[in-house]
Amino acid sequence: MSWFLVGIIWSIEAKSFNELLAARIFANFGAGAVESLVPSIIADIFYEKNYSAAMATYAVALSGGSQFGPLIAGYLIQAAGWRWFFILCAIMLAVNLLFCIFLLPETTYEPVEQLENEASYTEKPENEDMDMVPAADPSLVASEMTMDYKQYFRGLFRLSITRAA
């Protein structure tokens, strides 16, 4: 994210179109890293029951930014000039970076419940022969997971799409 911020600040200070283009390319490498790492960070921080809501919120924010960003930029550029769009982006990105540094937990974070469960499993079992219990037959598990694709595709084409409802 700091790479992205440096690219935005370089965009503010650009003196020519070629320099602005180079600054935008530099900034977008940082933005691409941020965009690809956020789902992994969400997966590390949120419990399974909250993961889908967190990913949905991230997806809405990402798509909302790409929809409303140009609209806001158009008004801002017309009112104050093109550099002010980058100044606004730099301010928002700097605040976001500070929030991430000071408020975002470490991504190797393990929930307390999980640590307590692992602690109970580390104790040595009373019966030493527990290691000799045979595992389930993998062929039985694989047979339960197979799917008949012919039947699936036949079901797709049984109803006529053109039939009136």
Protein backbone atom coordinates (compact mmCIF):
# COMPACT_ATOMS: atom_id res chain seq x y z
CA MET A 1 0.00 0.00 0.00
CA SER A 2 2.94 2.33 0.61
CA TRP A 3 4.09 1.69 -2.97
CA PHE A 4 0.64 2.78 -4.13
CA LEU A 5 0.87 5.95 -2.00
CA VAL A 6 4.31 6.83 -3.42
CA GLY A 7 2.91 6.42 -6.94
CA ILE A 8 -0.04 8.70 -6.13
CA ILE A 9 2.27 11.38 -4.70
CA TRP A 10 4.46 11.08 -7.80
CA SER A 11 1.30 11.57 -9.91
CA ILE A 12 0.56 14.81 -8.02
CA GLU A 13 4.07 16.12 -8.74
CA ALA A 14 4.22 15.01 -12.40
CA LYS A 15 5.40 17.73 -14.81
CA SER A 16 4.64 16.00 -18.12
CA PHE A 17 2.26 13.43 -19.51
CA ASN A 18 5.01 10.80 -19.81
CA GLU A 19 5.97 11.32 -16.17
CA LEU A 20 2.30 11.05 -15.14
CA LEU A 21 2.00 7.84 -17.16
CA ALA A 22 5.09 6.37 -15.47
CA ALA A 23 3.74 7.39 -12.05
CA ARG A 24 0.38 5.73 -12.77
CA ILE A 25 2.09 2.51 -13.89
CA PHE A 26 4.19 2.54 -10.71
CA ALA A 27 1.12 3.22 -8.55
CA ASN A 28 -0.90 0.47 -10.21
CA PHE A 29 1.67 -2.17 -9.28
CA GLY A 30 1.02 -1.20 -5.67
CA ALA A 31 -2.75 -1.14 -6.21
CA GLY A 32 -2.67 -4.59 -7.80
CA ALA A 33 -0.83 -6.01 -4.82
CA VAL A 34 -3.38 -4.50 -2.45
CA GLU A 35 -6.31 -5.82 -4.46
CA SER A 36 -4.94 -9.35 -4.61
CA LEU A 37 -3.92 -9.55 -0.93
CA VAL A 38 -7.18 -8.33 0.64
CA PRO A 39 -9.10 -11.63 0.15
CA SER A 40 -6.25 -13.52 1.84
CA ILE A 41 -6.20 -11.08 4.74
CA ILE A 42 -9.98 -11.37 5.10
CA ALA A 43 -9.68 -15.17 5.14
CA ASP A 44 -7.05 -14.97 7.89
CA ILE A 45 -8.93 -12.53 10.11
CA PHE A 46 -12.58 -13.53 9.90
CA TYR A 47 -14.20 -16.71 11.17
CA GLU A 48 -15.83 -19.00 8.61
CA LYS A 49 -19.34 -17.86 9.54
CA ASN A 50 -18.42 -14.18 8.89
CA TYR A 51 -16.14 -14.73 5.88
CA SER A 52 -18.82 -14.50 3.20
CA ALA A 53 -20.24 -11.26 4.64
CA ALA A 54 -16.75 -9.74 4.81
CA MET A 55 -15.97 -10.76 1.22
CA ALA A 56 -19.33 -9.39 0.05
CA THR A 57 -18.59 -6.07 1.78
CA TYR A 58 -15.16 -5.97 0.13
CA ALA A 59 -16.65 -6.75 -3.30
CA VAL A 60 -19.32 -4.04 -2.92
CA ALA A 61 -16.70 -1.50 -1.82
CA LEU A 62 -14.42 -2.45 -4.71
CA SER A 63 -17.14 -2.27 -7.35
CA GLY A 64 -18.67 0.85 -5.77
CA GLY A 65 -15.33 2.60 -5.90
CA SER A 66 -14.91 1.81 -9.57
CA GLN A 67 -18.45 3.07 -10.27
CA PHE A 68 -18.51 6.23 -8.14
CA GLY A 69 -14.82 7.15 -8.41
CA PRO A 70 -15.01 8.52 -11.96
CA LEU A 71 -18.19 10.42 -11.10
CA ILE A 72 -16.56 12.12 -8.11
CA ALA A 73 -13.36 12.67 -10.11
CA GLY A 74 -15.26 14.43 -12.90
CA TYR A 75 -16.77 16.99 -10.56
CA LEU A 76 -13.52 17.44 -8.62
CA ILE A 77 -11.41 17.91 -11.75
CA GLN A 78 -13.87 20.41 -13.20
CA ALA A 79 -14.04 22.41 -9.96
CA ALA A 80 -10.43 22.32 -8.74
CA GLY A 81 -8.15 20.79 -11.40
CA TRP A 82 -6.81 17.35 -12.18
CA ARG A 83 -4.18 17.29 -9.41
CA TRP A 84 -6.86 17.54 -6.72
CA PHE A 85 -8.18 14.12 -7.64
CA PHE A 86 -4.76 12.65 -6.83
CA ILE A 87 -4.53 14.76 -3.66
CA LEU A 88 -7.88 13.36 -2.47
CA CYS A 89 -6.72 9.82 -3.33
CA ALA A 90 -3.44 10.39 -1.45
CA ILE A 91 -5.27 11.64 1.65
CA MET A 92 -7.68 8.70 1.65
CA LEU A 93 -4.87 6.22 1.00
CA ALA A 94 -2.68 7.68 3.77
CA VAL A 95 -5.55 7.41 6.27
CA ASN A 96 -6.21 3.84 5.12
CA LEU A 97 -2.52 2.98 5.44
CA LEU A 98 -2.43 4.33 9.01
CA PHE A 99 -5.54 2.32 9.89
CA CYS A 100 -3.93 -0.82 8.47
CA ILE A 101 -0.68 -0.27 10.35
CA PHE A 102 -2.25 0.46 13.73
CA LEU A 103 -5.61 -1.35 13.71
CA LEU A 104 -5.28 -4.39 11.44
CA PRO A 105 -4.28 -7.49 13.40
CA GLU A 106 -1.40 -9.69 12.29
CA THR A 107 -2.45 -11.97 9.44
CA THR A 108 -1.11 -15.02 11.24
CA TYR A 109 -3.78 -14.29 13.83
CA GLU A 110 -5.43 -17.40 15.22
CA PRO A 111 -8.76 -17.06 17.01
CA VAL A 112 -8.70 -17.85 20.73
CA GLU A 113 -11.19 -20.72 20.28
CA GLN A 114 -8.87 -22.42 17.81
CA LEU A 115 -5.85 -22.07 20.12
CA GLU A 116 -7.79 -23.59 23.03
CA ASN A 117 -8.87 -26.54 20.87
CA GLU A 118 -5.31 -27.15 19.67
CA ALA A 119 -4.04 -27.09 23.26
CA SER A 120 -6.43 -29.87 24.23
CA TYR A 121 -5.23 -32.03 21.31
CA THR A 122 -1.55 -31.72 22.13
CA GLU A 123 -1.89 -33.79 25.28
CA LYS A 124 -0.70 -37.39 24.89
CA PRO A 125 -3.61 -39.87 24.73
CA GLU A 126 -3.94 -42.39 27.51
CA ASN A 127 -3.95 -45.31 25.10
CA GLU A 128 -0.64 -45.53 23.21
CA ASP A 129 -2.20 -47.84 20.57
CA MET A 130 -4.33 -45.01 19.17
CA ASP A 131 -1.77 -44.50 16.40
CA MET A 132 -2.55 -47.98 15.07
CA VAL A 133 -6.22 -47.26 14.19
CA PRO A 134 -6.74 -47.90 10.44
CA ALA A 135 -7.88 -45.01 8.27
CA ALA A 136 -11.02 -45.08 6.14
CA ASP A 137 -10.79 -46.64 2.69
CA PRO A 138 -10.16 -43.75 0.22
CA SER A 139 -12.03 -45.51 -2.60
CA LEU A 140 -15.26 -45.34 -0.59
CA VAL A 141 -14.88 -41.60 -0.12
CA ALA A 142 -14.11 -41.08 -3.83
CA SER A 143 -17.19 -43.07 -4.88
CA GLU A 144 -19.39 -40.77 -2.78
CA MET A 145 -17.93 -37.69 -4.46
CA THR A 146 -18.48 -38.68 -8.10
CA MET A 147 -21.10 -36.87 -10.14
CA ASP A 148 -22.97 -38.06 -13.20
CA TYR A 149 -22.44 -35.21 -15.66
CA LYS A 150 -24.55 -36.82 -18.39
CA GLN A 151 -27.60 -36.71 -16.17
CA TYR A 152 -26.81 -33.12 -15.21
CA PHE A 153 -26.63 -31.92 -18.83
CA ARG A 154 -29.76 -33.88 -19.80
CA GLY A 155 -31.63 -32.03 -17.06
CA LEU A 156 -30.49 -28.70 -18.44
CA PHE A 157 -32.09 -29.29 -21.82
CA ARG A 158 -35.34 -30.99 -20.79
CA LEU A 159 -37.29 -27.76 -20.34
CA SER A 160 -37.80 -25.55 -23.33
CA ILE A 161 -36.41 -22.07 -22.89
CA THR A 162 -38.88 -20.60 -25.38
CA ARG A 163 -41.95 -21.99 -23.62
CA ALA A 164 -44.10 -19.22 -22.15
CA ALA A 165 -44.37 -19.09 -18.38
